[in-house]
PDB file of N, CA and C in Angstrom:
ATOM      1  N   UNK A   1     103.202  76.610  63.132  1.00  0.00           N
ATOM      2  CA  UNK A   1     103.136  77.996  63.583  1.00  0.00           C
ATOM      3  C   UNK A   1     101.788  78.575  63.141  1.00  0.00           C
ATOM      4  N   UNK A   2     101.142  79.375  63.971  1.00  0.00           N
ATOM      5  CA  UNK A   2      99.841  79.932  63.590  1.00  0.00           C
ATOM      6  C   UNK A   2      99.933  80.709  62.294  1.00  0.00           C
ATOM      7  N   UNK A   3      98.916  80.606  61.502  1.00  0.00           N
ATOM      8  CA  UNK A   3      98.902  81.274  60.200  1.00  0.00           C
ATOM      9  C   UNK A   3      98.719  82.772  60.303  1.00  0.00           C
ATOM     10  N   UNK A   4      98.188  83.252  61.417  1.00  0.00           N
ATOM     11  CA  UNK A   4      97.965  84.713  61.588  1.00  0.00           C
ATOM     12  C   UNK A   4      99.187  85.402  62.181  1.00  0.00           C
ATOM     13  N   UNK A   5     100.312  84.722  62.221  1.00  0.00           N
ATOM     14  CA  UNK A   5     101.535  85.274  62.801  1.00  0.00           C
ATOM     15  C   UNK A   5     102.078  86.377  61.906  1.00  0.00           C
ATOM     16  N   UNK A   6     102.498  87.472  62.494  1.00  0.00           N
ATOM     17  CA  UNK A   6     103.117  88.558  61.731  1.00  0.00           C
ATOM     18  C   UNK A   6     104.411  88.949  62.434  1.00  0.00           C
ATOM     19  N   UNK A   7     105.239  89.681  61.726  1.00  0.00           N
ATOM     20  CA  UNK A   7     106.522  90.122  62.295  1.00  0.00           C
ATOM     21  C   UNK A   7     106.323  90.972  63.532  1.00  0.00           C
ATOM     22  N   UNK A   8     105.203  91.686  63.619  1.00  0.00           N
ATOM     23  CA  UNK A   8     104.929  92.542  64.796  1.00  0.00           C
ATOM     24  C   UNK A   8     104.684  91.711  66.034  1.00  0.00           C
ATOM     25  N   UNK A   9     104.274  90.445  65.859  1.00  0.00           N
ATOM     26  CA  UNK A   9     103.966  89.584  66.977  1.00  0.00           C
ATOM     27  C   UNK A   9     105.201  88.982  67.620  1.00  0.00           C
ATOM     28  N   UNK A  10     106.299  88.948  66.918  1.00  0.00           N
ATOM     29  CA  UNK A  10     107.467  88.264  67.445  1.00  0.00           C
ATOM     30  C   UNK A  10     108.751  88.773  66.830  1.00  0.00           C
ATOM     31  N   UNK A  11     109.678  87.862  66.733  1.00  0.00           N
ATOM     32  CA  UNK A  11     111.007  88.157  66.217  1.00  0.00           C
ATOM     33  C   UNK A  11     111.062  87.828  64.717  1.00  0.00           C
ATOM     34  N   UNK A  12     112.066  88.322  64.056  1.00  0.00           N
ATOM     35  CA  UNK A  12     112.271  87.984  62.661  1.00  0.00           C
ATOM     36  C   UNK A  12     112.927  86.592  62.540  1.00  0.00           C
ATOM     37  N   UNK A  13     113.340  86.033  63.627  1.00  0.00           N
ATOM     38  CA  UNK A  13     113.965  84.732  63.660  1.00  0.00           C
ATOM     39  C   UNK A  13     112.869  83.660  63.760  1.00  0.00           C
ATOM     40  N   UNK A  14     112.704  82.897  62.715  1.00  0.00           N
ATOM     41  CA  UNK A  14     111.631  81.883  62.672  1.00  0.00           C
ATOM     42  C   UNK A  14     111.792  80.841  63.776  1.00  0.00           C
ATOM     43  N   UNK A  15     113.022  80.503  64.104  1.00  0.00           N
ATOM     44  CA  UNK A  15     113.258  79.532  65.152  1.00  0.00           C
ATOM     45  C   UNK A  15     112.820  80.054  66.520  1.00  0.00           C
ATOM     46  N   UNK A  16     113.048  81.308  66.806  1.00  0.00           N
ATOM     47  CA  UNK A  16     112.602  81.915  68.050  1.00  0.00           C
ATOM     48  C   UNK A  16     111.051  81.932  68.072  1.00  0.00           C
ATOM     49  N   UNK A  17     110.462  82.338  66.966  1.00  0.00           N
ATOM     50  CA  UNK A  17     108.998  82.372  66.897  1.00  0.00           C
ATOM     51  C   UNK A  17     108.402  80.985  67.117  1.00  0.00           C
ATOM     52  N   UNK A  18     108.983  79.982  66.491  1.00  0.00           N
ATOM     53  CA  UNK A  18     108.490  78.624  66.675  1.00  0.00           C
ATOM     54  C   UNK A  18     108.655  78.168  68.115  1.00  0.00           C
ATOM     55  N   UNK A  19     109.774  78.540  68.734  1.00  0.00           N
ATOM     56  CA  UNK A  19     109.977  78.221  70.138  1.00  0.00           C
ATOM     57  C   UNK A  19     108.938  78.873  71.038  1.00  0.00           C
ATOM     58  N   UNK A  20     108.625  80.116  70.777  1.00  0.00           N
ATOM     59  CA  UNK A  20     107.594  80.845  71.573  1.00  0.00           C
ATOM     60  C   UNK A  20     106.235  80.153  71.389  1.00  0.00           C
ATOM     61  N   UNK A  21     105.941  79.749  70.178  1.00  0.00           N
ATOM     62  CA  UNK A  21     104.671  79.066  69.915  1.00  0.00           C
ATOM     63  C   UNK A  21     104.622  77.748  70.688  1.00  0.00           C
ATOM     64  N   UNK A  22     105.687  76.960  70.621  1.00  0.00           N
ATOM     65  CA  UNK A  22     105.721  75.674  71.312  1.00  0.00           C
ATOM     66  C   UNK A  22     105.649  75.855  72.839  1.00  0.00           C
ATOM     67  N   UNK A  23     106.324  76.866  73.338  1.00  0.00           N
ATOM     68  CA  UNK A  23     106.282  77.115  74.778  1.00  0.00           C
ATOM     69  C   UNK A  23     104.854  77.471  75.205  1.00  0.00           C
ATOM     70  N   UNK A  24     104.214  78.342  74.425  1.00  0.00           N
ATOM     71  CA  UNK A  24     102.839  78.706  74.721  1.00  0.00           C
ATOM     72  C   UNK A  24     101.907  77.517  74.684  1.00  0.00           C
ATOM     73  N   UNK A  25     102.093  76.658  73.731  1.00  0.00           N
ATOM     74  CA  UNK A  25     101.259  75.438  73.630  1.00  0.00           C
ATOM     75  C   UNK A  25     101.502  74.523  74.828  1.00  0.00           C
ATOM     76  N   UNK A  26     102.759  74.396  75.279  1.00  0.00           N
ATOM     77  CA  UNK A  26     103.062  73.577  76.423  1.00  0.00           C
ATOM     78  C   UNK A  26     102.419  74.131  77.693  1.00  0.00           C
ATOM     79  N   UNK A  27     102.433  75.435  77.846  1.00  0.00           N
ATOM     80  CA  UNK A  27     101.803  76.062  79.008  1.00  0.00           C
ATOM     81  C   UNK A  27     100.299  75.841  78.962  1.00  0.00           C
ATOM     82  N   UNK A  28      99.722  76.037  77.768  1.00  0.00           N
ATOM     83  CA  UNK A  28      98.279  75.809  77.622  1.00  0.00           C
ATOM     84  C   UNK A  28      97.906  74.361  77.978  1.00  0.00           C
ATOM     85  N   UNK A  29      98.624  73.401  77.414  1.00  0.00           N
ATOM     86  CA  UNK A  29      98.331  71.992  77.651  1.00  0.00           C
ATOM     87  C   UNK A  29      98.520  71.642  79.128  1.00  0.00           C
ATOM     88  N   UNK A  30      99.597  72.148  79.729  1.00  0.00           N
ATOM     89  CA  UNK A  30      99.824  71.897  81.141  1.00  0.00           C
ATOM     90  C   UNK A  30      98.749  72.461  82.026  1.00  0.00           C
ATOM     91  N   UNK A  31      98.312  73.667  81.705  1.00  0.00           N
ATOM     92  CA  UNK A  31      97.247  74.309  82.475  1.00  0.00           C
ATOM     93  C   UNK A  31      95.971  73.499  82.347  1.00  0.00           C
ATOM     94  N   UNK A  32      95.656  73.067  81.157  1.00  0.00           N
ATOM     95  CA  UNK A  32      94.434  72.271  80.939  1.00  0.00           C
ATOM     96  C   UNK A  32      94.518  70.919  81.658  1.00  0.00           C
ATOM     97  N   UNK A  33      95.731  70.326  81.637  1.00  0.00           N
ATOM     98  CA  UNK A  33      95.924  69.050  82.327  1.00  0.00           C
ATOM     99  C   UNK A  33      95.624  69.160  83.811  1.00  0.00           C
ATOM    100  N   UNK A  34      95.948  70.328  84.375  1.00  0.00           N
ATOM    101  CA  UNK A  34      95.642  70.557  85.794  1.00  0.00           C
ATOM    102  C   UNK A  34      94.161  70.952  86.019  1.00  0.00           C
ATOM    103  N   UNK A  35      93.464  71.254  84.941  1.00  0.00           N
ATOM    104  CA  UNK A  35      92.071  71.679  85.085  1.00  0.00           C
ATOM    105  C   UNK A  35      91.917  73.119  85.525  1.00  0.00           C
ATOM    106  N   UNK A  36      92.954  73.941  85.279  1.00  0.00           N
ATOM    107  CA  UNK A  36      92.968  75.330  85.717  1.00  0.00           C
ATOM    108  C   UNK A  36      92.520  76.260  84.598  1.00  0.00           C
ATOM    109  N   UNK A  37      91.915  77.365  84.997  1.00  0.00           N
ATOM    110  CA  UNK A  37      91.643  78.473  84.081  1.00  0.00           C
ATOM    111  C   UNK A  37      92.909  79.348  84.051  1.00  0.00           C
ATOM    112  N   UNK A  38      92.911  80.280  83.124  1.00  0.00           N
ATOM    113  CA  UNK A  38      94.039  81.233  83.098  1.00  0.00           C
ATOM    114  C   UNK A  38      94.049  82.048  84.372  1.00  0.00           C
ATOM    115  N   UNK A  39      92.903  82.378  84.894  1.00  0.00           N
ATOM    116  CA  UNK A  39      92.847  83.173  86.151  1.00  0.00           C
ATOM    117  C   UNK A  39      93.425  82.383  87.325  1.00  0.00           C
ATOM    118  N   UNK A  40      93.118  81.067  87.337  1.00  0.00           N
ATOM    119  CA  UNK A  40      93.686  80.227  88.414  1.00  0.00           C
ATOM    120  C   UNK A  40      95.200  80.180  88.323  1.00  0.00           C
ATOM    121  N   UNK A  41      95.723  80.035  87.137  1.00  0.00           N
ATOM    122  CA  UNK A  41      97.170  80.019  86.963  1.00  0.00           C
ATOM    123  C   UNK A  41      97.763  81.374  87.320  1.00  0.00           C
ATOM    124  N   UNK A  42      97.070  82.446  86.971  1.00  0.00           N
ATOM    125  CA  UNK A  42      97.532  83.785  87.315  1.00  0.00           C
ATOM    126  C   UNK A  42      97.635  83.948  88.843  1.00  0.00           C
ATOM    127  N   UNK A  43      96.603  83.510  89.548  1.00  0.00           N
ATOM    128  CA  UNK A  43      96.607  83.630  91.010  1.00  0.00           C
ATOM    129  C   UNK A  43      97.722  82.769  91.603  1.00  0.00           C
ATOM    130  N   UNK A  44      97.920  81.631  91.065  1.00  0.00           N
ATOM    131  CA  UNK A  44      98.947  80.705  91.592  1.00  0.00           C
ATOM    132  C   UNK A  44     100.373  81.177  91.313  1.00  0.00           C
ATOM    133  N   UNK A  45     100.586  81.769  90.143  1.00  0.00           N
ATOM    134  CA  UNK A  45     101.927  82.147  89.714  1.00  0.00           C
ATOM    135  C   UNK A  45     102.284  83.594  90.032  1.00  0.00           C
ATOM    136  N   UNK A  46     101.256  84.445  90.229  1.00  0.00           N
ATOM    137  CA  UNK A  46     101.496  85.869  90.461  1.00  0.00           C
ATOM    138  C   UNK A  46     101.732  86.629  89.156  1.00  0.00           C
ATOM    139  N   UNK A  47     101.473  86.005  88.033  1.00  0.00           N
ATOM    140  CA  UNK A  47     101.605  86.644  86.722  1.00  0.00           C
ATOM    141  C   UNK A  47     100.197  86.917  86.222  1.00  0.00           C
ATOM    142  N   UNK A  48      99.948  88.153  85.753  1.00  0.00           N
ATOM    143  CA  UNK A  48      98.577  88.525  85.408  1.00  0.00           C
ATOM    144  C   UNK A  48      98.006  87.681  84.254  1.00  0.00           C
ATOM    145  N   UNK A  49      96.694  87.533  84.242  1.00  0.00           N
ATOM    146  CA  UNK A  49      95.999  86.702  83.286  1.00  0.00           C
ATOM    147  C   UNK A  49      96.209  87.143  81.825  1.00  0.00           C
ATOM    148  N   UNK A  50      96.173  88.446  81.483  1.00  0.00           N
ATOM    149  CA  UNK A  50      96.411  88.813  80.116  1.00  0.00           C
ATOM    150  C   UNK A  50      97.793  88.396  79.618  1.00  0.00           C
ATOM    151  N   UNK A  51      98.799  88.412  80.488  1.00  0.00           N
ATOM    152  CA  UNK A  51     100.134  87.958  80.116  1.00  0.00           C
ATOM    153  C   UNK A  51     100.122  86.480  79.799  1.00  0.00           C
ATOM    154  N   UNK A  52      99.442  85.711  80.618  1.00  0.00           N
ATOM    155  CA  UNK A  52      99.341  84.256  80.398  1.00  0.00           C
ATOM    156  C   UNK A  52      98.617  83.993  79.079  1.00  0.00           C
ATOM    157  N   UNK A  53      97.537  84.739  78.798  1.00  0.00           N
ATOM    158  CA  UNK A  53      96.822  84.550  77.552  1.00  0.00           C
ATOM    159  C   UNK A  53      97.688  84.819  76.347  1.00  0.00           C
ATOM    160  N   UNK A  54      98.456  85.895  76.379  1.00  0.00           N
ATOM    161  CA  UNK A  54      99.355  86.222  75.251  1.00  0.00           C
ATOM    162  C   UNK A  54     100.442  85.178  75.119  1.00  0.00           C
ATOM    163  N   UNK A  55     100.998  84.751  76.230  1.00  0.00           N
ATOM    164  CA  UNK A  55     102.051  83.757  76.212  1.00  0.00           C
ATOM    165  C   UNK A  55     101.545  82.434  75.620  1.00  0.00           C
ATOM    166  N   UNK A  56     100.325  82.024  75.989  1.00  0.00           N
ATOM    167  CA  UNK A  56      99.754  80.792  75.465  1.00  0.00           C
ATOM    168  C   UNK A  56      99.569  80.870  73.941  1.00  0.00           C
ATOM    169  N   UNK A  57      99.349  82.056  73.446  1.00  0.00           N
ATOM    170  CA  UNK A  57      99.182  82.239  71.980  1.00  0.00           C
ATOM    171  C   UNK A  57     100.547  82.405  71.295  1.00  0.00           C
ATOM    172  N   UNK A  58     101.633  82.377  72.064  1.00  0.00           N
ATOM    173  CA  UNK A  58     102.968  82.521  71.506  1.00  0.00           C
ATOM    174  C   UNK A  58     103.255  83.930  71.055  1.00  0.00           C
ATOM    175  N   UNK A  59     102.549  84.903  71.623  1.00  0.00           N
ATOM    176  CA  UNK A  59     102.678  86.287  71.173  1.00  0.00           C
ATOM    177  C   UNK A  59     103.202  87.184  72.284  1.00  0.00           C
ATOM    178  N   UNK A  60     104.134  86.693  73.040  1.00  0.00           N
ATOM    179  CA  UNK A  60     104.724  87.494  74.108  1.00  0.00           C
ATOM    180  C   UNK A  60     106.235  87.317  74.100  1.00  0.00           C
ATOM    181  N   UNK A  61     106.899  87.851  73.079  1.00  0.00           N
ATOM    182  CA  UNK A  61     108.317  87.624  72.969  1.00  0.00           C
ATOM    183  C   UNK A  61     109.157  88.313  74.039  1.00  0.00           C
ATOM    184  N   UNK A  62     108.623  89.314  74.722  1.00  0.00           N
ATOM    185  CA  UNK A  62     109.403  90.074  75.677  1.00  0.00           C
ATOM    186  C   UNK A  62     109.217  89.645  77.126  1.00  0.00           C
ATOM    187  N   UNK A  63     108.650  88.485  77.396  1.00  0.00           N
ATOM    188  CA  UNK A  63     108.434  88.077  78.786  1.00  0.00           C
ATOM    189  C   UNK A  63     109.770  87.863  79.484  1.00  0.00           C
ATOM    190  N   UNK A  64     109.817  88.304  80.720  1.00  0.00           N
ATOM    191  CA  UNK A  64     111.057  88.155  81.470  1.00  0.00           C
ATOM    192  C   UNK A  64     111.229  86.699  81.892  1.00  0.00           C
ATOM    193  N   UNK A  65     112.461  86.308  82.067  1.00  0.00           N
ATOM    194  CA  UNK A  65     112.728  84.963  82.512  1.00  0.00           C
ATOM    195  C   UNK A  65     112.129  84.690  83.890  1.00  0.00           C
ATOM    196  N   UNK A  66     112.144  85.703  84.717  1.00  0.00           N
ATOM    197  CA  UNK A  66     111.582  85.549  86.084  1.00  0.00           C
ATOM    198  C   UNK A  66     110.089  85.226  86.011  1.00  0.00           C
ATOM    199  N   UNK A  67     109.352  85.967  85.195  1.00  0.00           N
ATOM    200  CA  UNK A  67     107.905  85.734  85.062  1.00  0.00           C
ATOM    201  C   UNK A  67     107.623  84.361  84.451  1.00  0.00           C
ATOM    202  N   UNK A  68     108.389  84.010  83.447  1.00  0.00           N
ATOM    203  CA  UNK A  68     108.237  82.694  82.827  1.00  0.00           C
ATOM    204  C   UNK A  68     108.532  81.592  83.842  1.00  0.00           C
ATOM    205  N   UNK A  69     109.588  81.765  84.620  1.00  0.00           N
ATOM    206  CA  UNK A  69     109.933  80.777  85.627  1.00  0.00           C
ATOM    207  C   UNK A  69     108.845  80.646  86.671  1.00  0.00           C
ATOM    208  N   UNK A  70     108.195  81.739  87.054  1.00  0.00           N
ATOM    209  CA  UNK A  70     107.099  81.674  88.010  1.00  0.00           C
ATOM    210  C   UNK A  70     105.932  80.844  87.475  1.00  0.00           C
ATOM    211  N   UNK A  71     105.626  81.046  86.194  1.00  0.00           N
ATOM    212  CA  UNK A  71     104.534  80.264  85.579  1.00  0.00           C
ATOM    213  C   UNK A  71     104.902  78.785  85.540  1.00  0.00           C
ATOM    214  N   UNK A  72     106.085  78.502  85.022  1.00  0.00           N
ATOM    215  CA  UNK A  72     106.496  77.084  84.899  1.00  0.00           C
ATOM    216  C   UNK A  72     106.624  76.439  86.272  1.00  0.00           C
ATOM    217  N   UNK A  73     107.185  77.155  87.229  1.00  0.00           N
ATOM    218  CA  UNK A  73     107.351  76.626  88.564  1.00  0.00           C
ATOM    219  C   UNK A  73     106.027  76.316  89.257  1.00  0.00           C
ATOM    220  N   UNK A  74     105.036  77.119  89.008  1.00  0.00           N
ATOM    221  CA  UNK A  74     103.739  76.914  89.655  1.00  0.00           C
ATOM    222  C   UNK A  74     102.975  75.752  89.057  1.00  0.00           C
ATOM    223  N   UNK A  75     103.378  75.315  87.855  1.00  0.00           N
ATOM    224  CA  UNK A  75     102.645  74.241  87.177  1.00  0.00           C
ATOM    225  C   UNK A  75     103.346  72.911  87.167  1.00  0.00           C
ATOM    226  N   UNK A  76     104.643  72.877  87.482  1.00  0.00           N
ATOM    227  CA  UNK A  76     105.428  71.647  87.300  1.00  0.00           C
ATOM    228  C   UNK A  76     105.227  71.144  85.861  1.00  0.00           C
ATOM    229  N   UNK A  77     105.247  72.104  84.928  1.00  0.00           N
ATOM    230  CA  UNK A  77     104.906  71.797  83.540  1.00  0.00           C
ATOM    231  C   UNK A  77     105.883  70.864  82.856  1.00  0.00           C
ATOM    232  N   UNK A  78     107.135  70.933  83.234  1.00  0.00           N
ATOM    233  CA  UNK A  78     108.129  70.105  82.557  1.00  0.00           C
ATOM    234  C   UNK A  78     108.106  68.650  83.003  1.00  0.00           C
ATOM    235  N   UNK A  79     107.458  68.400  84.159  1.00  0.00           N
ATOM    236  CA  UNK A  79     107.257  67.037  84.641  1.00  0.00           C
ATOM    237  C   UNK A  79     108.560  66.226  84.575  1.00  0.00           C
ATOM    238  N   UNK A  80     109.647  66.836  85.084  1.00  0.00           N
ATOM    239  CA  UNK A  80     110.958  66.197  85.040  1.00  0.00           C
ATOM    240  C   UNK A  80     111.067  65.109  86.088  1.00  0.00           C
ATOM    241  N   UNK A  81     111.644  64.006  85.683  1.00  0.00           N
ATOM    242  CA  UNK A  81     111.878  62.897  86.590  1.00  0.00           C
ATOM    243  C   UNK A  81     113.344  62.899  86.976  1.00  0.00           C
ATOM    244  N   UNK A  82     113.693  62.564  88.221  1.00  0.00           N
ATOM    245  CA  UNK A  82     115.095  62.506  88.600  1.00  0.00           C
ATOM    246  C   UNK A  82     115.855  61.448  87.758  1.00  0.00           C
ATOM    247  N   UNK A  83     117.127  61.682  87.478  1.00  0.00           N
ATOM    248  CA  UNK A  83     117.895  60.695  86.685  1.00  0.00           C
ATOM    249  C   UNK A  83     118.068  59.397  87.413  1.00  0.00           C
TER     250      UNK A  83
END
């Protein structure tokens, strides 16, 4: 977890904070794997670039599930294979 993390940045639940950090890292790595900038991901997903930047830093605890799904759906970030 980032050392500059404070309670104001997230939840008091360490597990939730760690999950937000890991999710942000996964989005960052997936975006980089595609060779996209944050602006490119914003245009593709319809979610504004500052939101993506905060999410990648794990500092956006209040993101809606719909917005998160738009980001993940536009990136195929989970790279799921059929069973």
